[in-house]
Amino acid sequence: MLAHRIVVIGAGYSGLAAAGRAARRAGTPGAEVTLVNAAPHFVERVRLHQLAAGQEPRERPLRDALRGSGAELVVGRVTGLDPGRREVLVDTGAGSDSLPYDTLVYALGSAAGTGGVPGAAEHALSVSTGPEARRSHARIAGLASGGGSVAVVGGGLTGVEAAAELAESHPGLRVRLLTSGEPGAALSERGRRHLDGALERLGVDVRANSRVVRVDGSGLTLADGASVPADAVLWSTGFAVPDIAERAGLAVDASGRVLVDERLRAVSDPDVYAVGDAALVTGPSGIPLRMACATGLPMGLYAADAITGRLAGREPAPFRFRYYAQCVSLGRRDGLIQFVDADDTARESVLTGRAAARVKEAVVRGAAWAARNPGPYTPRARRARSAARPEAVLR
């Protein structure tokens, strides 16, 4: 009897966790697992703002992460998907190849989204992928020694972290943070006060309520017609997902994320599970889960357990998820832990300063460890042990 072929495309937090977990459980139902990724190493995406600032996160080869699991690694770029033939098209650099599957885990993640702002794609830097973060570092490092300026666009947590990290790492660099609303708008009042104070201490020039409508080689143009000069622009607002699912005919939302049921199966194809940033998954109160490794990791674990459970004749319970906190680094010596309700609404309680920075570092390390050493999807246990397990508060 032929083994059931499980193919996972994308090796971010969700994809790597899904592949490792499924491979470790595949012996009982009789399955083989293949992980496909464009790069041979795992990228800690939540550290890419550190990479852009000149720090060098540890490289983590995927083969090391999969060693002993039984999963096979294929290094190549996914170029297409044929659900009818149940094949993934992969460019390995030596030509295009097709990889057959019986069950597919779609975990291709996301990249920077420019929101259609003219010039952003051509002129702006990004920290959404490893290569883009390295290009950002090369450009910004050259500016820092000469007292240049960088404009960070985006008031979400990625933009805030990037602006703080750049300002702390390069004191001679003039850093501006431009936001269409208020930076950290979803935080509590106490959280926003700490964030504002940290950015002021680091010398970040915050320009709130400034919507960018154009990017060019000299800087930015705002909606009110004002020009903001900048030697470099770092774009950190919005995400975009690959169009592979849409081109393959899978049902997607307006942004291209795969529509899934309560068990993370694509609503248009039960042989496909979608996890991570590339999937539209609703959480408490029916609100779509935000793109984050905090949501991607449990999705990957759940998909692996659901697939291997079904192969063993067990129907999985629906996917469940709740939030605990948002973790924000403000350089290496300051941070903010914003505690939240199950639906991600900010509570007034926060943890700040060096203690928060240490918690954030523990959370980031815990996330990387969990992706490389995936355990079972256990939502009840995760709720019960949330105070003791730093990965439970990962943003």
Protein backbone atom coordinates (compact mmCIF):
# COMPACT_ATOMS: atom_id res chain seq x y z
CA MET A 1 0.00 0.00 0.00
CA LEU A 2 1.37 3.42 -0.98
CA ALA A 3 2.08 5.91 1.79
CA HIS A 4 -0.14 8.97 2.06
CA ARG A 5 1.85 11.94 0.70
CA ILE A 6 1.67 15.07 2.86
CA VAL A 7 3.35 18.09 1.26
CA VAL A 8 3.89 21.30 3.21
CA ILE A 9 4.77 24.41 1.20
CA GLY A 10 6.45 27.19 3.13
CA ALA A 11 8.75 26.82 6.14
CA GLY A 12 7.84 29.75 8.33
CA TYR A 13 6.63 29.21 11.88
CA SER A 14 3.42 27.47 10.80
CA GLY A 15 4.84 25.42 7.92
CA LEU A 16 7.90 24.16 9.78
CA ALA A 17 5.79 23.24 12.81
CA ALA A 18 3.26 21.43 10.60
CA ALA A 19 5.91 19.45 8.72
CA GLY A 20 7.85 18.42 11.81
CA ARG A 21 4.78 17.50 13.80
CA ALA A 22 3.15 15.55 10.96
CA ALA A 23 6.37 13.65 10.21
CA ARG A 24 6.81 12.65 13.83
CA ARG A 25 3.23 11.32 13.88
CA ALA A 26 3.23 9.85 10.38
CA GLY A 27 4.44 6.38 11.32
CA THR A 28 1.12 5.19 12.74
CA PRO A 29 -1.20 6.21 9.88
CA GLY A 30 1.44 5.41 7.26
CA ALA A 31 2.37 8.71 5.63
CA GLU A 32 5.40 10.50 4.25
CA VAL A 33 6.00 14.21 4.66
CA THR A 34 7.81 16.63 2.34
CA LEU A 35 8.56 20.25 3.20
CA VAL A 36 9.16 22.70 0.34
CA ASN A 37 10.81 26.07 0.95
CA ALA A 38 12.60 28.61 -1.20
CA ALA A 39 15.52 28.95 1.25
CA PRO A 40 17.44 26.19 3.06
CA HIS A 41 17.11 27.81 6.47
CA PHE A 42 14.39 28.89 8.87
CA VAL A 43 13.91 32.65 9.13
CA GLU A 44 12.93 34.14 12.49
CA ARG A 45 10.70 36.78 11.00
CA VAL A 46 10.10 38.51 14.32
CA ARG A 47 13.84 39.31 14.39
CA LEU A 48 14.13 40.85 10.94
CA HIS A 49 14.01 44.41 12.28
CA GLN A 50 17.13 43.46 14.27
CA LEU A 51 18.80 42.23 11.09
CA ALA A 52 17.99 45.51 9.34
CA ALA A 53 19.62 47.37 12.24
CA GLY A 54 22.85 45.40 11.85
CA GLN A 55 22.45 42.53 14.29
CA GLU A 56 22.97 39.00 13.01
CA PRO A 57 20.38 36.46 14.19
CA ARG A 58 21.52 32.87 14.37
CA GLU A 59 21.09 30.91 11.14
CA ARG A 60 18.97 27.79 11.57
CA PRO A 61 19.25 25.22 8.73
CA LEU A 62 15.99 23.45 7.99
CA ARG A 63 17.73 20.10 7.62
CA ASP A 64 18.87 20.38 11.22
CA ALA A 65 15.33 21.21 12.33
CA LEU A 66 13.92 18.19 10.48
CA ARG A 67 16.67 15.75 11.43
CA GLY A 68 15.23 12.63 12.98
CA SER A 69 11.64 13.50 12.08
CA GLY A 70 11.50 11.54 8.83
CA ALA A 71 10.44 14.57 6.79
CA GLU A 72 12.12 15.26 3.46
CA LEU A 73 13.23 18.79 2.53
CA VAL A 74 12.99 20.18 -1.00
CA VAL A 75 14.68 23.56 -1.47
CA GLY A 76 12.87 25.36 -4.25
CA ARG A 77 10.42 28.13 -5.03
CA VAL A 78 6.78 27.15 -5.39
CA THR A 79 5.58 28.57 -8.71
CA GLY A 80 2.15 27.02 -9.03
CA LEU A 81 -0.42 24.60 -7.74
CA ASP A 82 -2.70 22.21 -9.63
CA PRO A 83 -5.43 20.98 -7.24
CA GLY A 84 -7.04 18.89 -9.97
CA ARG A 85 -3.92 16.82 -10.48
CA ARG A 86 -2.87 17.32 -6.85
CA GLU A 87 0.55 18.61 -7.79
CA VAL A 88 2.80 21.43 -6.62
CA LEU A 89 5.04 23.07 -9.22
CA VAL A 90 8.50 23.82 -7.85
CA ASP A 91 11.50 25.65 -9.35
CA THR A 92 14.60 24.15 -7.72
CA GLY A 93 17.05 26.24 -9.72
CA ALA A 94 17.86 23.27 -11.93
CA GLY A 95 14.49 23.49 -13.67
CA SER A 96 10.81 23.15 -12.88
CA ASP A 97 9.45 20.00 -11.33
CA SER A 98 6.09 18.74 -10.11
CA LEU A 99 5.59 17.27 -6.68
CA PRO A 100 2.50 15.08 -6.16
CA TYR A 101 0.51 15.16 -2.94
CA ASP A 102 -2.49 13.53 -1.33
CA THR A 103 -2.84 16.25 1.31
CA LEU A 104 -1.36 19.72 0.97
CA VAL A 105 -0.56 22.19 3.77
CA TYR A 106 -0.51 25.67 2.23
CA ALA A 107 1.79 27.81 4.41
CA LEU A 108 3.39 30.29 2.03
CA GLY A 109 3.11 33.19 4.45
CA SER A 110 3.16 36.84 3.47
CA ALA A 111 5.43 39.65 2.32
CA ALA A 112 5.34 43.42 2.53
CA GLY A 113 2.25 45.01 1.02
CA THR A 114 2.50 48.52 -0.38
CA GLY A 115 -1.24 49.13 -0.55
CA GLY A 116 -0.89 50.41 -4.09
CA VAL A 117 1.03 53.53 -2.99
CA PRO A 118 2.91 54.80 -6.07
CA GLY A 119 6.66 54.35 -5.83
CA ALA A 120 6.64 52.22 -2.67
CA ALA A 121 7.50 48.98 -4.44
CA GLU A 122 10.28 50.63 -6.44
CA HIS A 123 11.89 52.85 -3.79
CA ALA A 124 11.05 51.55 -0.30
CA LEU A 125 12.98 49.06 1.79
CA SER A 126 11.32 46.34 3.87
CA VAL A 127 11.87 43.89 6.72
CA SER A 128 9.30 41.31 5.65
CA THR A 129 11.81 38.69 4.42
CA GLY A 130 15.41 37.81 5.18
CA PRO A 131 16.85 39.08 1.86
CA GLU A 132 14.86 42.31 2.13
CA ALA A 133 16.06 42.89 5.70
CA ARG A 134 19.67 42.39 4.57
CA ARG A 135 19.21 44.88 1.75
CA SER A 136 17.74 47.31 4.25
CA HIS A 137 20.75 46.87 6.51
CA ALA A 138 23.21 47.46 3.68
CA ARG A 139 21.48 50.70 2.71
CA ILE A 140 20.89 52.00 6.25
CA ALA A 141 24.38 51.16 7.52
CA GLY A 142 25.84 53.37 4.82
CA LEU A 143 23.59 56.25 5.86
CA ALA A 144 24.20 55.94 9.60
CA SER A 145 27.88 56.84 9.46
CA GLY A 146 27.14 60.00 7.50
CA GLY A 147 24.23 61.27 9.57
CA GLY A 148 21.62 60.30 7.00
CA SER A 149 17.90 59.89 7.53
CA VAL A 150 15.41 57.05 7.25
CA ALA A 151 11.63 57.34 7.26
CA VAL A 152 9.79 54.32 8.67
CA VAL A 153 6.22 54.12 7.37
CA GLY A 154 3.68 52.29 9.54
CA GLY A 155 2.41 52.74 13.08
CA GLY A 156 1.78 49.07 13.79
CA LEU A 157 4.07 47.02 15.99
CA THR A 158 6.45 46.14 13.15
CA GLY A 159 7.01 49.80 12.31
CA VAL A 160 7.43 50.77 15.95
CA GLU A 161 9.96 47.99 16.56
CA ALA A 162 11.91 48.86 13.40
CA ALA A 163 12.09 52.57 14.23
CA ALA A 164 13.20 51.90 17.82
CA GLU A 165 15.81 49.33 16.79
CA LEU A 166 17.32 51.58 14.12
CA ALA A 167 17.45 54.58 16.43
CA GLU A 168 19.13 52.63 19.25
CA SER A 169 21.62 50.83 16.99
CA HIS A 170 22.58 53.94 15.00
CA PRO A 171 22.55 57.05 17.20
CA GLY A 172 23.81 59.17 14.30
CA LEU A 173 20.89 58.18 12.08
CA ARG A 174 17.89 60.48 11.94
CA VAL A 175 14.82 58.25 12.26
CA ARG A 176 11.26 59.39 11.51
CA LEU A 177 8.16 57.28 12.09
CA LEU A 178 5.15 58.21 9.96
CA THR A 179 1.77 56.74 10.80
CA SER A 180 -1.69 57.20 9.29
CA GLY A 181 -3.15 57.22 12.82
CA GLU A 182 -1.45 57.05 16.20
CA PRO A 183 1.49 54.67 16.73
CA GLY A 184 0.41 51.60 18.65
CA ALA A 185 -3.23 52.63 18.39
CA ALA A 186 -4.49 49.23 19.59
CA LEU A 187 -2.54 49.45 22.86
CA SER A 188 -4.00 50.53 26.19
CA GLU A 189 -3.48 54.07 27.44
CA ARG A 190 -0.63 52.91 29.69
CA GLY A 191 0.90 51.01 26.78
CA ARG A 192 0.76 54.01 24.46
CA ARG A 193 2.30 56.27 27.10
CA HIS A 194 5.25 53.94 27.51
CA LEU A 195 5.66 53.53 23.76
CA ASP A 196 5.58 57.30 23.19
CA GLY A 197 8.14 57.85 25.95
CA ALA A 198 10.46 55.19 24.57
CA LEU A 199 10.38 56.63 21.05
CA GLU A 200 11.04 60.12 22.43
CA ARG A 201 13.96 58.83 24.52
CA LEU A 202 15.47 57.19 21.44
CA GLY A 203 15.13 60.37 19.43
CA VAL A 204 12.58 59.05 16.94
CA ASP A 205 10.66 61.88 15.26
CA VAL A 206 7.05 60.66 15.27
CA ARG A 207 4.67 62.18 12.72
CA ALA A 208 1.23 60.81 13.54
CA ASN A 209 -1.84 61.16 11.32
CA SER A 210 0.39 61.43 8.26
CA ARG A 211 -0.84 59.30 5.38
CA VAL A 212 1.78 58.58 2.73
CA VAL A 213 0.52 58.79 -0.87
CA ARG A 214 3.79 58.61 -2.82
CA VAL A 215 7.38 57.41 -2.44
CA ASP A 216 10.28 58.49 -4.61
CA GLY A 217 14.06 58.69 -4.49
CA SER A 218 14.03 61.81 -2.33
CA GLY A 219 11.47 60.74 0.28
CA LEU A 220 7.72 60.83 0.78
CA THR A 221 4.66 62.82 -0.18
CA LEU A 222 1.78 63.03 2.29
CA ALA A 223 -1.94 63.26 1.64
CA ASP A 224 -1.93 66.96 2.57
CA GLY A 225 0.71 67.64 -0.10
CA ALA A 226 3.62 68.00 2.30
CA SER A 227 6.98 66.49 1.38
CA VAL A 228 9.08 64.55 3.86
CA PRO A 229 12.71 64.24 2.75
CA ALA A 230 14.46 60.95 3.53
CA ASP A 231 17.60 59.24 2.32
CA ALA A 232 15.82 55.89 2.70
CA VAL A 233 12.24 54.75 3.29
CA LEU A 234 11.46 51.59 5.25
CA TRP A 235 7.94 50.35 4.46
CA SER A 236 6.33 48.43 7.32
CA THR A 237 2.61 48.84 6.87
CA GLY A 238 0.44 46.06 5.50
CA PHE A 239 1.14 42.58 4.20
CA ALA A 240 0.48 40.81 0.92
CA VAL A 241 0.14 37.08 0.35
CA PRO A 242 1.27 35.14 -2.74
CA ASP A 243 -1.30 34.82 -5.52
CA ILE A 244 -0.62 31.09 -6.02
CA ALA A 245 -3.81 29.97 -4.25
CA GLU A 246 -5.94 32.38 -6.25
CA ARG A 247 -4.32 31.35 -9.54
CA ALA A 248 -4.95 27.71 -8.66
CA GLY A 249 -8.67 28.37 -8.26
CA LEU A 250 -8.90 28.03 -4.49
CA ALA A 251 -11.46 30.25 -2.79
CA VAL A 252 -9.72 33.31 -1.32
CA ASP A 253 -10.71 36.62 0.21
CA ALA A 254 -10.04 40.04 -1.36
CA SER A 255 -6.43 39.98 -0.15
CA GLY A 256 -5.74 36.48 -1.50
CA ARG A 257 -5.86 34.56 1.79
CA VAL A 258 -7.32 31.06 1.53
CA LEU A 259 -10.83 30.68 2.94
CA VAL A 260 -10.93 27.76 5.37
CA ASP A 261 -13.50 25.99 7.52
CA GLU A 262 -13.35 25.54 11.30
CA ARG A 263 -10.84 22.70 10.82
CA LEU A 264 -8.51 24.77 8.60
CA ARG A 265 -9.47 22.96 5.41
CA ALA A 266 -9.84 25.07 2.30
CA VAL A 267 -13.57 25.50 1.74
CA SER A 268 -13.08 24.83 -1.97
CA ASP A 269 -10.80 21.76 -1.63
CA PRO A 270 -10.80 19.34 1.34
CA ASP A 271 -7.36 18.03 0.34
CA VAL A 272 -5.80 21.41 1.17
CA TYR A 273 -5.20 22.83 4.63
CA ALA A 274 -4.17 26.50 4.85
CA VAL A 275 -2.28 27.88 7.85
CA GLY A 276 -0.40 30.99 8.91
CA ASP A 277 -0.53 34.37 7.18
CA ALA A 278 -1.84 32.87 3.93
CA ALA A 279 -5.07 31.62 5.56
CA LEU A 280 -8.14 33.58 6.65
CA VAL A 281 -8.97 32.11 10.05
CA THR A 282 -11.45 33.62 12.48
CA GLY A 283 -10.86 33.70 16.21
CA PRO A 284 -12.93 34.75 19.21
CA SER A 285 -15.94 36.91 18.35
CA GLY A 286 -15.57 35.93 14.69
CA ILE A 287 -12.70 38.38 14.15
CA PRO A 288 -10.02 37.25 11.64
CA LEU A 289 -6.77 36.34 13.35
CA ARG A 290 -3.98 38.79 12.66
CA MET A 291 -0.88 37.76 10.79
CA ALA A 292 1.64 36.71 13.45
CA CYS A 293 3.68 33.73 14.51
CA ALA A 294 1.51 33.61 17.63
CA THR A 295 -1.35 32.51 15.39
CA GLY A 296 0.73 30.64 12.82
CA LEU A 297 2.36 28.21 15.24
CA PRO A 298 -0.84 26.74 16.71
CA MET A 299 -2.38 26.59 13.22
CA GLY A 300 0.54 24.49 12.00
CA LEU A 301 0.37 22.16 14.98
CA TYR A 302 -3.39 21.80 14.62
CA ALA A 303 -3.18 21.02 10.89
CA ALA A 304 -0.58 18.31 11.49
CA ASP A 305 -2.63 16.67 14.23
CA ALA A 306 -5.84 16.97 12.20
CA ILE A 307 -4.31 15.37 9.10
CA THR A 308 -2.60 12.49 10.88
CA GLY A 309 -5.62 12.01 13.13
CA ARG A 310 -7.91 11.66 10.10
CA LEU A 311 -5.53 9.14 8.56
CA ALA A 312 -5.86 7.12 11.76
CA GLY A 313 -9.66 7.32 11.61
CA ARG A 314 -10.24 10.15 14.10
CA GLU A 315 -12.23 13.29 13.28
CA PRO A 316 -10.50 16.37 14.78
CA ALA A 317 -12.27 18.90 16.95
CA PRO A 318 -12.52 22.43 15.49
CA PHE A 319 -9.51 24.73 15.74
CA ARG A 320 -9.62 27.00 18.79
CA PHE A 321 -7.45 30.00 19.57
CA ARG A 322 -7.28 32.89 22.01
CA TYR A 323 -4.83 35.75 22.51
CA TYR A 324 -2.89 36.50 25.69
CA ALA A 325 -0.59 39.44 25.01
CA GLN A 326 1.23 41.51 22.43
CA CYS A 327 5.00 41.68 22.87
CA VAL A 328 6.89 44.72 21.58
CA SER A 329 10.63 45.30 21.60
CA LEU A 330 11.77 48.92 21.89
CA GLY A 331 15.44 48.36 21.24
CA ARG A 332 17.44 45.78 23.17
CA ARG A 333 16.97 47.29 26.64
CA ASP A 334 13.31 48.24 26.68
CA GLY A 335 10.06 46.55 25.80
CA LEU A 336 6.32 46.45 26.27
CA ILE A 337 4.12 43.47 27.08
CA GLN A 338 0.51 44.48 26.46
CA PHE A 339 -1.87 41.98 28.06
CA VAL A 340 -5.04 41.41 26.06
CA ASP A 341 -8.40 39.65 26.25
CA ALA A 342 -9.13 36.53 24.23
CA ASP A 343 -10.19 38.60 21.20
CA ASP A 344 -6.96 40.70 21.29
CA THR A 345 -8.57 43.74 22.94
CA ALA A 346 -6.00 45.53 25.12
CA ARG A 347 -6.35 45.41 28.87
CA GLU A 348 -4.95 48.26 30.95
CA SER A 349 -2.26 46.02 32.48
CA VAL A 350 1.21 46.13 30.90
CA LEU A 351 4.77 45.11 31.66
CA THR A 352 7.46 47.58 30.58
CA GLY A 353 11.18 48.29 30.62
CA ARG A 354 14.01 45.79 30.92
CA ALA A 355 11.73 43.11 32.35
CA ALA A 356 9.51 43.35 29.27
CA ALA A 357 12.57 43.22 27.00
CA ARG A 358 13.66 40.00 28.70
CA VAL A 359 10.19 38.49 28.33
CA LYS A 360 10.07 39.44 24.65
CA GLU A 361 13.46 37.80 24.07
CA ALA A 362 12.31 34.65 25.85
CA VAL A 363 9.14 34.62 23.75
CA VAL A 364 11.07 34.95 20.49
CA ARG A 365 13.46 32.18 21.46
CA GLY A 366 10.52 30.04 22.56
CA ALA A 367 8.77 30.53 19.22
CA ALA A 368 11.83 29.42 17.25
CA TRP A 369 12.27 26.42 19.52
CA ALA A 370 8.59 25.44 19.23
CA ALA A 371 8.70 25.61 15.41
CA ARG A 372 11.75 23.34 15.35
CA ASN A 373 10.51 21.00 18.10
CA PRO A 374 6.75 20.88 17.54
CA GLY A 375 4.58 19.26 20.15
CA PRO A 376 0.84 18.51 20.01
CA TYR A 377 -1.89 21.07 19.49
CA THR A 378 -3.27 21.38 23.05
CA PRO A 379 -5.38 24.53 23.46
CA ARG A 380 -6.61 23.61 26.93
CA ALA A 381 -3.09 23.00 28.21
CA ARG A 382 -1.93 26.22 26.60
CA ARG A 383 -4.61 28.18 28.46
CA ALA A 384 -3.83 26.51 31.77
CA ARG A 385 -0.07 27.07 31.53
CA SER A 386 -0.08 30.50 29.86
CA ALA A 387 1.51 32.24 32.85
CA ALA A 388 4.44 29.82 32.90
CA ARG A 389 5.08 29.43 29.15
CA PRO A 390 6.49 32.52 27.41
CA GLU A 391 5.46 31.29 23.97
CA ALA A 392 1.81 31.66 25.03
CA VAL A 393 2.15 35.46 24.93
CA LEU A 394 3.87 35.70 21.57
CA ARG A 395 2.48 38.46 19.44
